[in-house]
Structures are given as C-alpha cells and as structure tokens.
Amino acid sequence: MDDAVEDVFLKMLERSCAATGECLAIPPDICATINLSGTLEAECAVEFPSTSARRLTLALLGDADAHWDDATIADAVGEFCNMVAGGWKQRLGPPAWQANLSVPSISSCPDPIAPAAGATTLRRAYAFDDSPFLVSLTLL
C-alpha cells in the first residue's frame, strides 16, 4: 500500500508523501471508496480532512488562485482513490490484474469507516505538505 500511495504522489503530483501512523489528529470530512470485484474482492478507501482535500485538489489541478466548489474537490479525492486502488491492484499481480474497479463513491466522513466482518484491513495515515489523510485497503 505504501508504494502505491507514494507512487501517486511522486509520479502524478511530483510531491513526496510519508506514512505517519494509523490515525489522524484532525477528523476526516470527505471520503472516497472504490470496490474491486471479480478475481479480487476488496475495497480501497481514502479519507481527507477538508483542508487536506483542498491541498490535494491544488496538487492535481495546479491553480493556486482557484476557489474550487465541493464537486471539484470531491472529484479530486475520487480520482486520487482511483489512482491508489489501481496502483495497489497492479502491484498484486495476476490474477488481481483482472479485477474490476468501480467508479469512486464519495461521501462525508462523520465516523471512521468500519471494516466488514471477516475482512482484513490495512489502514494507514499519510501526510504530504503537512496535509494528513488516511488510506484503507480491505480484502473482503
């Protein structure tokens, strides 16, 4: 998971990103999830505090003077989730490569995302430019 997250930041956003632990000091406000199905049943979720989501949007779109609406920020978080899920799937190799990725589902995050019963979840906090966020990968 670390490699998938770091690659997105280095290759797509030209920034570094470091794992910081398993929790955030600031609760997340916006979440994106992608389901993997077929040869691999899994879920990738990202959770961002609003300030971090805005910084992610800036990193993706590159316009420091822009004032993005909620839909644009949600699209940025969803696209980031898509890139992480795709990178993770690619690293797993066959037969995971044949798994289907869903369209990102965006929601607010009033409570931490709870893993499904019997699932195995890896959850880690990261930070880029002093902006924290969470990534969870769950094998169902």
Protein backbone atom coordinates (compact mmCIF):
# COMPACT_ATOMS: atom_id res chain seq x y z
CA MET A 1 0.00 0.00 0.00
CA ASP A 2 2.79 2.43 0.87
CA ASP A 3 4.35 2.01 -2.57
CA ALA A 4 1.02 2.66 -4.33
CA VAL A 5 0.40 5.86 -2.34
CA GLU A 6 3.99 7.09 -2.71
CA ASP A 7 3.97 6.43 -6.47
CA VAL A 8 0.81 8.50 -6.96
CA PHE A 9 2.43 11.42 -5.19
CA LEU A 10 5.82 11.13 -6.84
CA LYS A 11 4.74 10.33 -10.40
CA MET A 12 1.40 12.14 -10.67
CA LEU A 13 1.76 15.03 -8.23
CA GLU A 14 5.55 15.48 -8.09
CA ARG A 15 5.45 15.59 -4.29
CA SER A 16 6.67 13.38 -1.50
CA CYS A 17 4.31 11.65 0.88
CA ALA A 18 5.14 9.78 4.05
CA ALA A 19 3.31 7.28 6.21
CA THR A 20 2.65 8.74 9.67
CA GLY A 21 0.76 6.02 11.56
CA GLU A 22 -2.80 4.72 11.82
CA CYS A 23 -4.87 7.76 12.84
CA LEU A 24 -5.38 11.45 12.15
CA ALA A 25 -5.27 14.31 14.62
CA ILE A 26 -7.95 16.05 12.52
CA PRO A 27 -11.09 14.02 11.71
CA PRO A 28 -11.75 13.44 8.00
CA ASP A 29 -14.59 15.27 6.24
CA ILE A 30 -14.63 13.69 2.78
CA CYS A 31 -14.19 10.04 1.81
CA ALA A 32 -13.92 8.14 -1.44
CA THR A 33 -14.23 4.39 -1.84
CA ILE A 34 -13.61 2.08 -4.77
CA ASN A 35 -14.66 -1.55 -4.83
CA LEU A 36 -12.63 -4.21 -6.58
CA SER A 37 -14.60 -7.21 -7.80
CA GLY A 38 -14.16 -10.37 -9.82
CA THR A 39 -10.81 -12.08 -9.27
CA LEU A 40 -10.27 -9.91 -6.18
CA GLU A 41 -12.95 -8.79 -3.71
CA ALA A 42 -11.62 -5.71 -1.94
CA GLU A 43 -12.21 -2.07 -1.15
CA CYS A 44 -9.91 0.94 -1.24
CA ALA A 45 -10.93 3.99 0.81
CA VAL A 46 -9.33 7.39 1.28
CA GLU A 47 -10.37 9.89 3.95
CA PHE A 48 -9.37 13.55 3.98
CA PRO A 49 -9.91 16.50 6.31
CA SER A 50 -11.29 19.37 4.18
CA THR A 51 -8.00 21.32 4.30
CA SER A 52 -6.07 18.30 3.04
CA ALA A 53 -8.67 17.67 0.31
CA ARG A 54 -8.23 21.25 -0.90
CA ARG A 55 -4.43 20.84 -0.97
CA LEU A 56 -4.83 17.59 -2.90
CA THR A 57 -7.03 19.42 -5.41
CA LEU A 58 -4.38 22.12 -5.76
CA ALA A 59 -1.72 19.45 -6.33
CA LEU A 60 -3.85 17.79 -9.04
CA LEU A 61 -5.11 20.93 -10.78
CA GLY A 62 -2.24 23.31 -10.10
CA ASP A 63 -4.12 26.63 -9.83
CA ALA A 64 -3.24 28.30 -6.51
CA ASP A 65 -5.70 31.16 -7.11
CA ALA A 66 -8.71 28.94 -7.80
CA HIS A 67 -11.61 28.58 -5.39
CA TRP A 68 -12.96 25.11 -6.06
CA ASP A 69 -16.50 24.07 -5.36
CA ASP A 70 -17.32 20.92 -3.38
CA ALA A 71 -17.89 18.89 -6.57
CA THR A 72 -14.39 19.64 -7.89
CA ILE A 73 -12.82 18.72 -4.56
CA ALA A 74 -14.88 15.50 -4.46
CA ASP A 75 -13.69 14.66 -7.99
CA ALA A 76 -10.06 15.17 -6.93
CA VAL A 77 -10.45 12.90 -3.89
CA GLY A 78 -12.22 10.29 -6.03
CA GLU A 79 -9.51 10.40 -8.68
CA PHE A 80 -6.82 10.03 -6.04
CA CYS A 81 -8.64 6.97 -4.65
CA ASN A 82 -8.84 5.55 -8.19
CA MET A 83 -5.09 6.01 -8.72
CA VAL A 84 -4.22 4.36 -5.38
CA ALA A 85 -6.60 1.42 -5.99
CA GLY A 86 -5.22 0.90 -9.49
CA GLY A 87 -1.62 1.05 -8.24
CA TRP A 88 -2.36 -1.42 -5.48
CA LYS A 89 -4.12 -3.83 -7.87
CA GLN A 90 -1.21 -3.63 -10.32
CA ARG A 91 1.30 -4.48 -7.57
CA LEU A 92 -0.64 -7.60 -6.56
CA GLY A 93 -0.01 -9.17 -9.96
CA PRO A 94 -2.12 -11.89 -11.60
CA PRO A 95 -4.92 -12.79 -11.11
CA ALA A 96 -5.69 -9.50 -9.28
CA TRP A 97 -4.96 -7.61 -12.51
CA GLN A 98 -8.26 -8.89 -13.88
CA ALA A 99 -10.31 -7.44 -11.01
CA ASN A 100 -12.79 -4.73 -11.94
CA LEU A 101 -12.63 -1.29 -10.32
CA SER A 102 -15.86 0.54 -9.53
CA VAL A 103 -16.44 4.24 -10.01
CA PRO A 104 -15.41 6.14 -6.86
CA SER A 105 -18.17 6.68 -4.32
CA ILE A 106 -17.87 9.99 -2.45
CA SER A 107 -19.34 10.68 0.99
CA SER A 108 -18.85 12.74 4.10
CA CYS A 109 -16.98 11.04 6.95
CA PRO A 110 -18.72 11.71 10.24
CA ASP A 111 -17.46 8.41 11.70
CA PRO A 112 -14.45 6.22 10.89
CA ILE A 113 -15.08 3.68 8.15
CA ALA A 114 -15.67 0.30 9.82
CA PRO A 115 -14.31 -2.82 8.07
CA ALA A 116 -16.73 -5.57 7.09
CA ALA A 117 -16.99 -8.61 9.37
CA GLY A 118 -14.34 -11.19 8.49
CA ALA A 119 -12.41 -8.72 6.36
CA THR A 120 -8.71 -7.95 6.63
CA THR A 121 -7.97 -4.22 6.63
CA LEU A 122 -4.73 -2.30 6.40
CA ARG A 123 -5.28 1.32 7.44
CA ARG A 124 -2.57 3.94 7.44
CA ALA A 125 -2.26 7.70 7.87
CA TYR A 126 -0.07 9.69 5.48
CA ALA A 127 0.89 13.32 5.05
CA PHE A 128 2.00 15.48 2.14
CA ASP A 129 2.85 19.18 2.50
CA ASP A 130 1.74 18.88 6.18
CA SER A 131 -1.67 17.65 4.96
CA PRO A 132 -2.81 14.42 6.64
CA PHE A 133 -5.12 11.77 5.17
CA LEU A 134 -5.97 8.08 5.59
CA VAL A 135 -5.89 5.15 3.19
CA SER A 136 -7.58 1.82 3.92
CA LEU A 137 -7.29 -1.34 1.85
CA THR A 138 -9.68 -4.13 2.78
CA LEU A 139 -9.70 -7.69 1.49
CA LEU A 140 -13.26 -8.97 1.71
